[in-house]
Amino acid sequence: MEMLISLLVQVISGAVGGNLAGMTKQSLGTGLNTTLGGVGGLILGQVVSALTGTSGGEALDVAAVGSNIVGGGVGGLVLTWVVGLIKSKMAEK
C-alpha cells in the first residue's frame, strides 16, 4: 500500500512540476504538460528514491515523502521543459 502512495505522490508532484514548466513559453498545453509531468515525475521520483534508499516502500516517513515530492516535481518540470524546448526549436526551422 505504501508503494502505491509513493507512486501517486510522484505522479501528482510531477504533474504540478509539468504545469509549472508550462508557464514558460515552452508550454505544450495543459493536458500534455500534465501528462509529461506525471511521466517525468514517476521516472525521476523512482531514481531519487532508489538513490536515497527510500524505494523499499516499507514506511511513509518524512524523508520518503519528501524524496517523492522533490524527485517527482523536478522530474516533471525538467521533462516538460525539455520537450517544450525541443518543440519550440523544431517550430523555428
N, C-alpha and C. Protein backbone atom coordinates (compact mmCIF):
# COMPACT_ATOMS: atom_id res chain seq x y z
N MET A 1 0.82 -1.19 0.00
CA MET A 1 0.00 0.00 0.00
C MET A 1 0.87 1.25 0.00
N GLU A 2 1.97 1.21 0.76
CA GLU A 2 2.84 2.38 0.82
C GLU A 2 3.49 2.67 -0.53
N MET A 3 3.77 1.61 -1.29
CA MET A 3 4.37 1.79 -2.61
C MET A 3 3.41 2.51 -3.55
N LEU A 4 2.14 2.16 -3.48
CA LEU A 4 1.14 2.83 -4.30
C LEU A 4 1.03 4.31 -3.94
N ILE A 5 1.08 4.61 -2.66
CA ILE A 5 1.02 6.00 -2.22
C ILE A 5 2.25 6.76 -2.71
N SER A 6 3.42 6.14 -2.64
CA SER A 6 4.64 6.77 -3.14
C SER A 6 4.54 7.08 -4.62
N LEU A 7 4.02 6.13 -5.39
CA LEU A 7 3.87 6.34 -6.83
C LEU A 7 2.88 7.47 -7.13
N LEU A 8 1.78 7.51 -6.38
CA LEU A 8 0.81 8.57 -6.58
C LEU A 8 1.39 9.94 -6.24
N VAL A 9 2.16 10.01 -5.17
CA VAL A 9 2.80 11.28 -4.80
C VAL A 9 3.77 11.72 -5.89
N GLN A 10 4.52 10.79 -6.44
CA GLN A 10 5.46 11.13 -7.51
C GLN A 10 4.74 11.62 -8.77
N VAL A 11 3.67 10.95 -9.14
CA VAL A 11 2.94 11.35 -10.35
C VAL A 11 2.27 12.71 -10.15
N ILE A 12 1.65 12.92 -9.00
CA ILE A 12 0.99 14.20 -8.74
C ILE A 12 2.01 15.33 -8.66
N SER A 13 3.13 15.09 -7.99
CA SER A 13 4.18 16.11 -7.92
C SER A 13 4.74 16.40 -9.31
N GLY A 14 4.89 15.37 -10.11
CA GLY A 14 5.36 15.55 -11.48
C GLY A 14 4.38 16.35 -12.31
N ALA A 15 3.09 16.10 -12.13
CA ALA A 15 2.08 16.86 -12.87
C ALA A 15 2.11 18.33 -12.48
N VAL A 16 2.31 18.61 -11.21
CA VAL A 16 2.43 20.00 -10.77
C VAL A 16 3.69 20.63 -11.36
N GLY A 17 4.80 19.89 -11.33
CA GLY A 17 6.04 20.39 -11.93
C GLY A 17 5.90 20.62 -13.42
N GLY A 18 5.19 19.73 -14.11
CA GLY A 18 4.96 19.89 -15.54
C GLY A 18 4.15 21.13 -15.84
N ASN A 19 3.16 21.41 -15.02
CA ASN A 19 2.37 22.62 -15.23
C ASN A 19 3.14 23.88 -14.87
N LEU A 20 4.06 23.78 -13.92
CA LEU A 20 4.93 24.92 -13.64
C LEU A 20 5.85 25.20 -14.83
N ALA A 21 6.37 24.14 -15.43
CA ALA A 21 7.21 24.31 -16.62
C ALA A 21 6.39 24.87 -17.77
N GLY A 22 5.12 24.53 -17.82
CA GLY A 22 4.24 25.01 -18.87
C GLY A 22 3.91 26.48 -18.76
N MET A 23 4.28 27.11 -17.67
CA MET A 23 4.03 28.54 -17.51
C MET A 23 5.04 29.37 -18.29
N THR A 24 6.04 28.73 -18.86
CA THR A 24 7.03 29.43 -19.68
C THR A 24 6.55 29.42 -21.13
N LYS A 25 7.36 29.96 -22.02
CA LYS A 25 6.96 29.98 -23.43
C LYS A 25 7.07 28.61 -24.08
N GLN A 26 7.59 27.61 -23.37
CA GLN A 26 7.67 26.25 -23.90
C GLN A 26 6.43 25.43 -23.56
N SER A 27 5.32 26.06 -23.29
CA SER A 27 4.11 25.34 -22.91
C SER A 27 3.63 24.43 -24.04
N LEU A 28 3.13 23.27 -23.67
CA LEU A 28 2.62 22.30 -24.63
C LEU A 28 1.10 22.17 -24.54
N GLY A 29 0.49 22.96 -23.71
CA GLY A 29 -0.94 22.84 -23.43
C GLY A 29 -1.13 22.12 -22.11
N THR A 30 -2.21 22.40 -21.45
CA THR A 30 -2.43 21.88 -20.10
C THR A 30 -2.40 20.36 -20.03
N GLY A 31 -3.06 19.70 -20.95
CA GLY A 31 -3.12 18.23 -20.91
C GLY A 31 -1.77 17.58 -21.11
N LEU A 32 -1.02 18.06 -22.10
CA LEU A 32 0.29 17.48 -22.36
C LEU A 32 1.30 17.85 -21.27
N ASN A 33 1.20 19.07 -20.74
CA ASN A 33 2.08 19.45 -19.62
C ASN A 33 1.85 18.52 -18.43
N THR A 34 0.59 18.25 -18.14
CA THR A 34 0.25 17.38 -17.00
C THR A 34 0.71 15.95 -17.25
N THR A 35 0.48 15.44 -18.45
CA THR A 35 0.85 14.06 -18.77
C THR A 35 2.36 13.87 -18.75
N LEU A 36 3.08 14.74 -19.45
CA LEU A 36 4.54 14.63 -19.45
C LEU A 36 5.11 14.85 -18.06
N GLY A 37 4.52 15.76 -17.32
CA GLY A 37 4.97 15.99 -15.95
C GLY A 37 4.80 14.76 -15.08
N GLY A 38 3.66 14.09 -15.22
CA GLY A 38 3.43 12.86 -14.45
C GLY A 38 4.42 11.77 -14.80
N VAL A 39 4.72 11.62 -16.09
CA VAL A 39 5.69 10.61 -16.52
C VAL A 39 7.08 10.95 -16.01
N GLY A 40 7.48 12.21 -16.18
CA GLY A 40 8.80 12.64 -15.69
C GLY A 40 8.91 12.52 -14.19
N GLY A 41 7.82 12.83 -13.50
CA GLY A 41 7.81 12.70 -12.05
C GLY A 41 7.97 11.27 -11.59
N LEU A 42 7.31 10.38 -12.29
CA LEU A 42 7.42 8.96 -11.95
C LEU A 42 8.83 8.44 -12.19
N ILE A 43 9.41 8.82 -13.32
CA ILE A 43 10.75 8.33 -13.66
C ILE A 43 11.79 8.87 -12.69
N LEU A 44 11.88 10.19 -12.55
CA LEU A 44 12.91 10.75 -11.67
C LEU A 44 12.60 10.47 -10.20
N GLY A 45 11.32 10.40 -9.87
CA GLY A 45 10.95 10.05 -8.49
C GLY A 45 11.47 8.69 -8.10
N GLN A 46 11.38 7.72 -9.01
CA GLN A 46 11.90 6.38 -8.74
C GLN A 46 13.42 6.38 -8.64
N VAL A 47 14.07 7.16 -9.51
CA VAL A 47 15.54 7.24 -9.46
C VAL A 47 16.00 7.85 -8.14
N VAL A 48 15.37 8.95 -7.74
CA VAL A 48 15.76 9.60 -6.48
C VAL A 48 15.47 8.69 -5.29
N SER A 49 14.33 8.02 -5.32
CA SER A 49 14.01 7.10 -4.22
C SER A 49 15.02 5.97 -4.12
N ALA A 50 15.47 5.46 -5.26
CA ALA A 50 16.47 4.39 -5.23
C ALA A 50 17.81 4.90 -4.73
N LEU A 51 18.18 6.11 -5.13
CA LEU A 51 19.46 6.68 -4.70
C LEU A 51 19.48 7.03 -3.22
N THR A 52 18.34 7.46 -2.69
CA THR A 52 18.28 7.84 -1.28
C THR A 52 17.95 6.67 -0.37
N GLY A 53 17.64 5.51 -0.96
CA GLY A 53 17.36 4.34 -0.15
C GLY A 53 15.96 4.30 0.41
N THR A 54 15.05 5.11 -0.14
CA THR A 54 13.67 5.11 0.34
C THR A 54 12.74 4.42 -0.63
N SER A 55 13.28 3.57 -1.50
CA SER A 55 12.47 2.93 -2.54
C SER A 55 11.80 1.65 -2.08
N GLY A 56 12.10 1.19 -0.89
CA GLY A 56 11.51 -0.06 -0.43
C GLY A 56 10.02 0.02 -0.21
N GLY A 57 9.50 1.20 0.08
CA GLY A 57 8.08 1.37 0.28
C GLY A 57 7.58 0.80 1.59
N GLU A 58 8.51 0.52 2.53
CA GLU A 58 8.08 -0.08 3.78
C GLU A 58 7.56 0.93 4.79
N ALA A 59 7.89 2.19 4.62
CA ALA A 59 7.42 3.19 5.58
C ALA A 59 7.19 4.52 4.86
N LEU A 60 6.23 5.25 5.36
CA LEU A 60 5.97 6.58 4.83
C LEU A 60 6.47 7.61 5.84
N ASP A 61 7.77 7.76 5.93
CA ASP A 61 8.32 8.76 6.84
C ASP A 61 8.56 10.06 6.07
N VAL A 62 9.02 11.07 6.78
CA VAL A 62 9.22 12.39 6.19
C VAL A 62 10.25 12.35 5.07
N ALA A 63 11.30 11.59 5.23
CA ALA A 63 12.34 11.51 4.20
C ALA A 63 11.80 10.88 2.92
N ALA A 64 11.02 9.83 3.06
CA ALA A 64 10.48 9.15 1.87
C ALA A 64 9.49 10.04 1.13
N VAL A 65 8.59 10.67 1.86
CA VAL A 65 7.61 11.55 1.21
C VAL A 65 8.29 12.76 0.60
N GLY A 66 9.24 13.35 1.32
CA GLY A 66 9.99 14.49 0.77
C GLY A 66 10.76 14.13 -0.47
N SER A 67 11.37 12.96 -0.47
CA SER A 67 12.09 12.47 -1.64
C SER A 67 11.15 12.28 -2.82
N ASN A 68 9.98 11.75 -2.57
CA ASN A 68 8.99 11.55 -3.64
C ASN A 68 8.50 12.88 -4.20
N ILE A 69 8.26 13.85 -3.34
CA ILE A 69 7.76 15.15 -3.79
C ILE A 69 8.83 15.88 -4.60
N VAL A 70 10.04 15.93 -4.07
CA VAL A 70 11.11 16.66 -4.77
C VAL A 70 11.47 15.97 -6.07
N GLY A 71 11.69 14.67 -6.02
CA GLY A 71 12.05 13.93 -7.23
C GLY A 71 10.96 14.00 -8.29
N GLY A 72 9.73 13.83 -7.86
CA GLY A 72 8.62 13.89 -8.80
C GLY A 72 8.43 15.27 -9.40
N GLY A 73 8.48 16.29 -8.56
CA GLY A 73 8.30 17.65 -9.05
C GLY A 73 9.38 18.09 -10.00
N VAL A 74 10.61 17.82 -9.64
CA VAL A 74 11.73 18.20 -10.52
C VAL A 74 11.72 17.38 -11.80
N GLY A 75 11.43 16.10 -11.71
CA GLY A 75 11.36 15.26 -12.90
C GLY A 75 10.29 15.72 -13.87
N GLY A 76 9.13 16.06 -13.35
CA GLY A 76 8.06 16.56 -14.20
C GLY A 76 8.39 17.90 -14.83
N LEU A 77 8.99 18.76 -14.05
CA LEU A 77 9.38 20.08 -14.56
C LEU A 77 10.41 19.95 -15.67
N VAL A 78 11.44 19.16 -15.42
CA VAL A 78 12.53 19.03 -16.39
C VAL A 78 12.06 18.37 -17.69
N LEU A 79 11.33 17.27 -17.59
CA LEU A 79 10.89 16.58 -18.81
C LEU A 79 9.98 17.48 -19.64
N THR A 80 9.04 18.14 -19.00
CA THR A 80 8.12 19.01 -19.74
C THR A 80 8.86 20.18 -20.36
N TRP A 81 9.79 20.76 -19.63
CA TRP A 81 10.54 21.89 -20.16
C TRP A 81 11.41 21.48 -21.35
N VAL A 82 12.06 20.33 -21.25
CA VAL A 82 12.94 19.87 -22.34
C VAL A 82 12.12 19.56 -23.59
N VAL A 83 10.99 18.87 -23.43
CA VAL A 83 10.15 18.56 -24.59
C VAL A 83 9.61 19.85 -25.20
N GLY A 84 9.20 20.81 -24.37
CA GLY A 84 8.74 22.10 -24.88
C GLY A 84 9.82 22.85 -25.61
N LEU A 85 11.05 22.79 -25.10
CA LEU A 85 12.18 23.46 -25.75
C LEU A 85 12.46 22.82 -27.11
N ILE A 86 12.44 21.50 -27.17
CA ILE A 86 12.67 20.81 -28.45
C ILE A 86 11.57 21.17 -29.45
N LYS A 87 10.33 21.20 -28.97
CA LYS A 87 9.21 21.54 -29.85
C LYS A 87 9.36 22.97 -30.39
N SER A 88 9.73 23.90 -29.53
CA SER A 88 9.86 25.30 -29.97
C SER A 88 11.05 25.46 -30.94
N LYS A 89 12.12 24.71 -30.75
CA LYS A 89 13.27 24.78 -31.66
C LYS A 89 12.92 24.17 -33.01
N MET A 90 12.11 23.11 -33.01
CA MET A 90 11.70 22.50 -34.27
C MET A 90 10.74 23.41 -35.04
N ALA A 91 9.96 24.18 -34.33
CA ALA A 91 8.99 25.07 -34.98
C ALA A 91 9.69 26.26 -35.63
N GLU A 92 10.88 26.63 -35.14
CA GLU A 92 11.63 27.75 -35.69
C GLU A 92 12.17 27.44 -37.09
N LYS A 93 12.43 26.19 -37.37
CA LYS A 93 13.07 25.83 -38.64
C LYS A 93 12.09 25.65 -39.75
